[in-house]
PDB file of N, CA and C in Angstrom:
ATOM      1  N   MET A   1      60.216 157.041  60.116  1.00  0.00           N
ATOM      2  CA  MET A   1      60.386 156.442  61.414  1.00  0.00           C
ATOM      3  C   MET A   1      60.506 154.934  61.245  1.00  0.00           C
ATOM      4  N   ARG A   2      61.477 154.349  61.941  1.00  0.00           N
ATOM      5  CA  ARG A   2      61.675 152.917  61.852  1.00  0.00           C
ATOM      6  C   ARG A   2      60.747 152.205  62.834  1.00  0.00           C
ATOM      7  N   PRO A   3      60.135 151.099  62.401  1.00  0.00           N
ATOM      8  CA  PRO A   3      59.256 150.379  63.322  1.00  0.00           C
ATOM      9  C   PRO A   3      60.080 149.752  64.442  1.00  0.00           C
ATOM     10  N   SER A   4      59.514 149.722  65.614  1.00  0.00           N
ATOM     11  CA  SER A   4      60.152 149.137  66.781  1.00  0.00           C
ATOM     12  C   SER A   4      59.164 148.205  67.446  1.00  0.00           C
ATOM     13  N   ILE A   5      59.673 147.141  68.011  1.00  0.00           N
ATOM     14  CA  ILE A   5      58.830 146.218  68.744  1.00  0.00           C
ATOM     15  C   ILE A   5      59.223 146.345  70.206  1.00  0.00           C
ATOM     16  N   ALA A   6      58.350 146.859  71.017  1.00  0.00           N
ATOM     17  CA  ALA A   6      58.618 146.959  72.450  1.00  0.00           C
ATOM     18  C   ALA A   6      58.015 145.739  73.127  1.00  0.00           C
ATOM     19  N   VAL A   7      58.756 145.172  74.020  1.00  0.00           N
ATOM     20  CA  VAL A   7      58.317 143.955  74.674  1.00  0.00           C
ATOM     21  C   VAL A   7      57.897 144.285  76.101  1.00  0.00           C
ATOM     22  N   ASP A   8      56.642 144.106  76.395  1.00  0.00           N
ATOM     23  CA  ASP A   8      56.138 144.313  77.747  1.00  0.00           C
ATOM     24  C   ASP A   8      55.116 143.216  78.026  1.00  0.00           C
ATOM     25  N   ARG A   9      55.526 142.020  77.799  1.00  0.00           N
ATOM     26  CA  ARG A   9      54.651 140.878  77.952  1.00  0.00           C
ATOM     27  C   ARG A   9      53.350 141.158  77.225  1.00  0.00           C
ATOM     28  N   PRO A  10      52.835 140.386  76.384  1.00  0.00           N
ATOM     29  CA  PRO A  10      53.216 139.001  76.158  1.00  0.00           C
ATOM     30  C   PRO A  10      54.597 138.845  75.529  1.00  0.00           C
ATOM     31  N   LEU A  11      55.113 137.662  75.637  1.00  0.00           N
ATOM     32  CA  LEU A  11      56.441 137.310  75.174  1.00  0.00           C
ATOM     33  C   LEU A  11      56.607 137.570  73.672  1.00  0.00           C
ATOM     34  N   LEU A  12      57.774 138.067  73.316  1.00  0.00           N
ATOM     35  CA  LEU A  12      58.128 138.255  71.918  1.00  0.00           C
ATOM     36  C   LEU A  12      58.156 136.889  71.239  1.00  0.00           C
ATOM     37  N   THR A  13      57.625 136.801  70.030  1.00  0.00           N
ATOM     38  CA  THR A  13      57.558 135.522  69.315  1.00  0.00           C
ATOM     39  C   THR A  13      58.430 135.567  68.065  1.00  0.00           C
ATOM     40  N   PRO A  14      58.845 134.394  67.582  1.00  0.00           N
ATOM     41  CA  PRO A  14      59.599 134.359  66.327  1.00  0.00           C
ATOM     42  C   PRO A  14      58.803 134.963  65.169  1.00  0.00           C
ATOM     43  N   GLN A  15      57.499 134.794  65.164  1.00  0.00           N
ATOM     44  CA  GLN A  15      56.674 135.345  64.094  1.00  0.00           C
ATOM     45  C   GLN A  15      56.729 136.869  64.090  1.00  0.00           C
ATOM     46  N   ALA A  16      56.827 137.475  65.262  1.00  0.00           N
ATOM     47  CA  ALA A  16      56.894 138.930  65.343  1.00  0.00           C
ATOM     48  C   ALA A  16      58.212 139.466  64.792  1.00  0.00           C
ATOM     49  N   LEU A  17      59.251 138.638  64.798  1.00  0.00           N
ATOM     50  CA  LEU A  17      60.568 139.060  64.310  1.00  0.00           C
ATOM     51  C   LEU A  17      60.814 138.692  62.853  1.00  0.00           C
ATOM     52  N   ARG A  18      59.944 137.928  62.277  1.00  0.00           N
ATOM     53  CA  ARG A  18      60.149 137.406  60.921  1.00  0.00           C
ATOM     54  C   ARG A  18      60.497 138.493  59.909  1.00  0.00           C
ATOM     55  N   HIS A  19      59.858 139.649  59.986  1.00  0.00           N
ATOM     56  CA  HIS A  19      60.109 140.724  59.009  1.00  0.00           C
ATOM     57  C   HIS A  19      61.498 141.348  59.170  1.00  0.00           C
ATOM     58  N   LEU A  20      62.188 141.074  60.287  1.00  0.00           N
ATOM     59  CA  LEU A  20      63.522 141.622  60.511  1.00  0.00           C
ATOM     60  C   LEU A  20      64.649 140.650  60.147  1.00  0.00           C
ATOM     61  N   LEU A  21      64.316 139.414  59.822  1.00  0.00           N
ATOM     62  CA  LEU A  21      65.340 138.413  59.492  1.00  0.00           C
ATOM     63  C   LEU A  21      66.224 138.888  58.350  1.00  0.00           C
ATOM     64  N   GLY A  22      67.530 138.748  58.532  1.00  0.00           N
ATOM     65  CA  GLY A  22      68.492 139.128  57.518  1.00  0.00           C
ATOM     66  C   GLY A  22      68.861 140.603  57.527  1.00  0.00           C
ATOM     67  N   ASN A  23      68.257 141.363  58.425  1.00  0.00           N
ATOM     68  CA  ASN A  23      68.508 142.805  58.488  1.00  0.00           C
ATOM     69  C   ASN A  23      69.334 143.174  59.712  1.00  0.00           C
ATOM     70  N   ASP A  24      69.991 144.329  59.616  1.00  0.00           N
ATOM     71  CA  ASP A  24      70.666 144.891  60.781  1.00  0.00           C
ATOM     72  C   ASP A  24      69.603 145.443  61.719  1.00  0.00           C
ATOM     73  N   VAL A  25      69.772 145.161  63.007  1.00  0.00           N
ATOM     74  CA  VAL A  25      68.815 145.589  64.011  1.00  0.00           C
ATOM     75  C   VAL A  25      69.540 146.177  65.216  1.00  0.00           C
ATOM     76  N   VAL A  26      68.816 146.959  65.991  1.00  0.00           N
ATOM     77  CA  VAL A  26      69.288 147.454  67.278  1.00  0.00           C
ATOM     78  C   VAL A  26      68.484 146.703  68.330  1.00  0.00           C
ATOM     79  N   VAL A  27      69.190 146.050  69.238  1.00  0.00           N
ATOM     80  CA  VAL A  27      68.552 145.197  70.242  1.00  0.00           C
ATOM     81  C   VAL A  27      68.883 145.738  71.627  1.00  0.00           C
ATOM     82  N   ARG A  28      67.858 145.851  72.451  1.00  0.00           N
ATOM     83  CA  ARG A  28      68.053 146.272  73.837  1.00  0.00           C
ATOM     84  C   ARG A  28      67.606 145.136  74.751  1.00  0.00           C
ATOM     85  N   THR A  29      68.502 144.763  75.674  1.00  0.00           N
ATOM     86  CA  THR A  29      68.167 143.844  76.751  1.00  0.00           C
ATOM     87  C   THR A  29      68.350 144.615  78.052  1.00  0.00           C
ATOM     88  N   ALA A  30      68.066 143.995  79.171  1.00  0.00           N
ATOM     89  CA  ALA A  30      68.267 144.664  80.452  1.00  0.00           C
ATOM     90  C   ALA A  30      69.742 144.986  80.671  1.00  0.00           C
ATOM     91  N   ALA A  31      70.626 144.188  80.078  1.00  0.00           N
ATOM     92  CA  ALA A  31      72.061 144.335  80.324  1.00  0.00           C
ATOM     93  C   ALA A  31      72.810 145.139  79.270  1.00  0.00           C
ATOM     94  N   THR A  32      72.285 145.240  78.056  1.00  0.00           N
ATOM     95  CA  THR A  32      73.077 145.847  76.989  1.00  0.00           C
ATOM     96  C   THR A  32      72.214 146.395  75.854  1.00  0.00           C
ATOM     97  N   LEU A  33      72.861 147.165  75.003  1.00  0.00           N
ATOM     98  CA  LEU A  33      72.276 147.671  73.763  1.00  0.00           C
ATOM     99  C   LEU A  33      73.325 147.466  72.690  1.00  0.00           C
ATOM    100  N   TRP A  34      72.983 146.803  71.592  1.00  0.00           N
ATOM    101  CA  TRP A  34      73.945 146.601  70.528  1.00  0.00           C
ATOM    102  C   TRP A  34      73.257 146.512  69.176  1.00  0.00           C
ATOM    103  N   ARG A  35      74.098 146.565  68.147  1.00  0.00           N
ATOM    104  CA  ARG A  35      73.629 146.505  66.762  1.00  0.00           C
ATOM    105  C   ARG A  35      74.217 145.268  66.112  1.00  0.00           C
ATOM    106  N   GLY A  36      73.380 144.515  65.438  1.00  0.00           N
ATOM    107  CA  GLY A  36      73.840 143.310  64.762  1.00  0.00           C
ATOM    108  C   GLY A  36      72.846 142.888  63.704  1.00  0.00           C
ATOM    109  N   ARG A  37      73.149 141.790  63.046  1.00  0.00           N
ATOM    110  CA  ARG A  37      72.260 141.261  62.005  1.00  0.00           C
ATOM    111  C   ARG A  37      71.502 140.064  62.561  1.00  0.00           C
ATOM    112  N   LEU A  38      70.191 140.098  62.446  1.00  0.00           N
ATOM    113  CA  LEU A  38      69.343 138.991  62.895  1.00  0.00           C
ATOM    114  C   LEU A  38      69.383 137.888  61.842  1.00  0.00           C
ATOM    115  N   LEU A  39      69.920 136.738  62.233  1.00  0.00           N
ATOM    116  CA  LEU A  39      70.063 135.633  61.289  1.00  0.00           C
ATOM    117  C   LEU A  39      68.989 134.570  61.431  1.00  0.00           C
ATOM    118  N   SER A  40      68.533 134.348  62.653  1.00  0.00           N
ATOM    119  CA  SER A  40      67.574 133.279  62.876  1.00  0.00           C
ATOM    120  C   SER A  40      66.786 133.554  64.142  1.00  0.00           C
ATOM    121  N   CYS A  41      65.594 133.013  64.173  1.00  0.00           N
ATOM    122  CA  CYS A  41      64.764 133.140  65.354  1.00  0.00           C
ATOM    123  C   CYS A  41      63.963 131.854  65.497  1.00  0.00           C
ATOM    124  N   VAL A  42      64.069 131.232  66.653  1.00  0.00           N
ATOM    125  CA  VAL A  42      63.347 129.990  66.922  1.00  0.00           C
ATOM    126  C   VAL A  42      62.455 130.201  68.139  1.00  0.00           C
ATOM    127  N   LYS A  43      61.867 129.146  68.626  1.00  0.00           N
ATOM    128  CA  LYS A  43      60.871 129.220  69.698  1.00  0.00           C
ATOM    129  C   LYS A  43      61.308 130.083  70.880  1.00  0.00           C
ATOM    130  N   ASP A  44      62.533 129.897  71.373  1.00  0.00           N
ATOM    131  CA  ASP A  44      62.957 130.561  72.602  1.00  0.00           C
ATOM    132  C   ASP A  44      64.042 131.609  72.427  1.00  0.00           C
ATOM    133  N   SER A  45      64.699 131.653  71.260  1.00  0.00           N
ATOM    134  CA  SER A  45      65.872 132.519  71.143  1.00  0.00           C
ATOM    135  C   SER A  45      66.030 133.092  69.738  1.00  0.00           C
ATOM    136  N   ALA A  46      66.879 134.119  69.685  1.00  0.00           N
ATOM    137  CA  ALA A  46      67.221 134.758  68.415  1.00  0.00           C
ATOM    138  C   ALA A  46      68.737 134.739  68.274  1.00  0.00           C
ATOM    139  N   TRP A  47      69.207 134.554  67.043  1.00  0.00           N
ATOM    140  CA  TRP A  47      70.629 134.474  66.752  1.00  0.00           C
ATOM    141  C   TRP A  47      71.016 135.697  65.941  1.00  0.00           C
ATOM    142  N   PHE A  48      72.028 136.414  66.434  1.00  0.00           N
ATOM    143  CA  PHE A  48      72.524 137.621  65.797  1.00  0.00           C
ATOM    144  C   PHE A  48      74.017 137.490  65.539  1.00  0.00           C
ATOM    145  N   VAL A  49      74.515 138.263  64.580  1.00  0.00           N
ATOM    146  CA  VAL A  49      75.963 138.431  64.412  1.00  0.00           C
ATOM    147  C   VAL A  49      76.252 139.886  64.749  1.00  0.00           C
ATOM    148  N   VAL A  50      77.145 140.067  65.723  1.00  0.00           N
ATOM    149  CA  VAL A  50      77.527 141.393  66.197  1.00  0.00           C
ATOM    150  C   VAL A  50      79.042 141.486  66.110  1.00  0.00           C
ATOM    151  N   ASP A  51      79.550 142.360  65.237  1.00  0.00           N
ATOM    152  CA  ASP A  51      81.001 142.518  65.082  1.00  0.00           C
ATOM    153  C   ASP A  51      81.715 141.182  64.887  1.00  0.00           C
ATOM    154  N   ASP A  52      81.229 140.359  63.987  1.00  0.00           N
ATOM    155  CA  ASP A  52      81.798 139.051  63.661  1.00  0.00           C
ATOM    156  C   ASP A  52      81.672 138.013  64.773  1.00  0.00           C
ATOM    157  N   ASP A  53      80.898 138.286  65.803  1.00  0.00           N
ATOM    158  CA  ASP A  53      80.652 137.323  66.877  1.00  0.00           C
ATOM    159  C   ASP A  53      79.206 136.857  66.820  1.00  0.00           C
ATOM    160  N   ASP A  54      78.996 135.566  67.032  1.00  0.00           N
ATOM    161  CA  ASP A  54      77.644 135.030  67.135  1.00  0.00           C
ATOM    162  C   ASP A  54      77.103 135.308  68.528  1.00  0.00           C
ATOM    163  N   VAL A  55      75.872 135.802  68.583  1.00  0.00           N
ATOM    164  CA  VAL A  55      75.219 136.102  69.852  1.00  0.00           C
ATOM    165  C   VAL A  55      73.843 135.454  69.824  1.00  0.00           C
ATOM    166  N   VAL A  56      73.541 134.662  70.841  1.00  0.00           N
ATOM    167  CA  VAL A  56      72.215 134.068  70.977  1.00  0.00           C
ATOM    168  C   VAL A  56      71.567 134.680  72.209  1.00  0.00           C
ATOM    169  N   VAL A  57      70.361 135.200  72.019  1.00  0.00           N
ATOM    170  CA  VAL A  57      69.644 135.874  73.100  1.00  0.00           C
ATOM    171  C   VAL A  57      68.291 135.195  73.280  1.00  0.00           C
ATOM    172  N   GLN A  58      67.959 134.891  74.518  1.00  0.00           N
ATOM    173  CA  GLN A  58      66.633 134.354  74.813  1.00  0.00           C
ATOM    174  C   GLN A  58      65.599 135.437  74.506  1.00  0.00           C
ATOM    175  N   LEU A  59      64.503 135.062  73.890  1.00  0.00           N
ATOM    176  CA  LEU A  59      63.484 136.044  73.506  1.00  0.00           C
ATOM    177  C   LEU A  59      62.927 136.793  74.712  1.00  0.00           C
ATOM    178  N   ASP A  60      62.830 136.137  75.856  1.00  0.00           N
ATOM    179  CA  ASP A  60      62.285 136.824  77.022  1.00  0.00           C
ATOM    180  C   ASP A  60      63.257 137.837  77.630  1.00  0.00           C
ATOM    181  N   GLN A  61      64.494 137.896  77.121  1.00  0.00           N
ATOM    182  CA  GLN A  61      65.465 138.887  77.572  1.00  0.00           C
ATOM    183  C   GLN A  61      65.459 140.150  76.722  1.00  0.00           C
ATOM    184  N   ILE A  62      64.827 140.100  75.550  1.00  0.00           N
ATOM    185  CA  ILE A  62      64.807 141.234  74.646  1.00  0.00           C
ATOM    186  C   ILE A  62      63.750 142.234  75.109  1.00  0.00           C
ATOM    187  N   ARG A  63      64.202 143.464  75.401  1.00  0.00           N
ATOM    188  CA  ARG A  63      63.296 144.543  75.813  1.00  0.00           C
ATOM    189  C   ARG A  63      62.697 145.234  74.591  1.00  0.00           C
ATOM    190  N   SER A  64      63.543 145.457  73.562  1.00  0.00           N
ATOM    191  CA  SER A  64      63.055 146.055  72.320  1.00  0.00           C
ATOM    192  C   SER A  64      64.013 145.683  71.202  1.00  0.00           C
ATOM    193  N   ILE A  65      63.476 145.703  69.988  1.00  0.00           N
ATOM    194  CA  ILE A  65      64.269 145.417  68.797  1.00  0.00           C
ATOM    195  C   ILE A  65      63.675 146.227  67.659  1.00  0.00           C
ATOM    196  N   ARG A  66      64.560 146.832  66.853  1.00  0.00           N
ATOM    197  CA  ARG A  66      64.101 147.625  65.715  1.00  0.00           C
ATOM    198  C   ARG A  66      65.113 147.541  64.596  1.00  0.00           C
ATOM    199  N   ALA A  67      64.676 147.845  63.394  1.00  0.00           N
ATOM    200  CA  ALA A  67      65.597 147.901  62.251  1.00  0.00           C
ATOM    201  C   ALA A  67      66.598 149.015  62.489  1.00  0.00           C
ATOM    202  N   ALA A  68      67.852 148.744  62.117  1.00  0.00           N
ATOM    203  CA  ALA A  68      68.924 149.737  62.316  1.00  0.00           C
ATOM    204  C   ALA A  68      68.938 150.738  61.184  1.00  0.00           C
TER     205      ALA A  68
END
């Protein structure tokens, strides 16, 4: 079973995502579900590459994230 981080407040932190850096992940927000590679995570946002596109998502928008 792949570990998943479900976000139900408190806010997701960069430290909680550290073990996923550089890996393909499945990310769910209220608006979408997609698969990409987590490249960076800072105080307020995470940076992913999805199908050769850069995607920046605010951490408070992420509902769940898990290794792909």
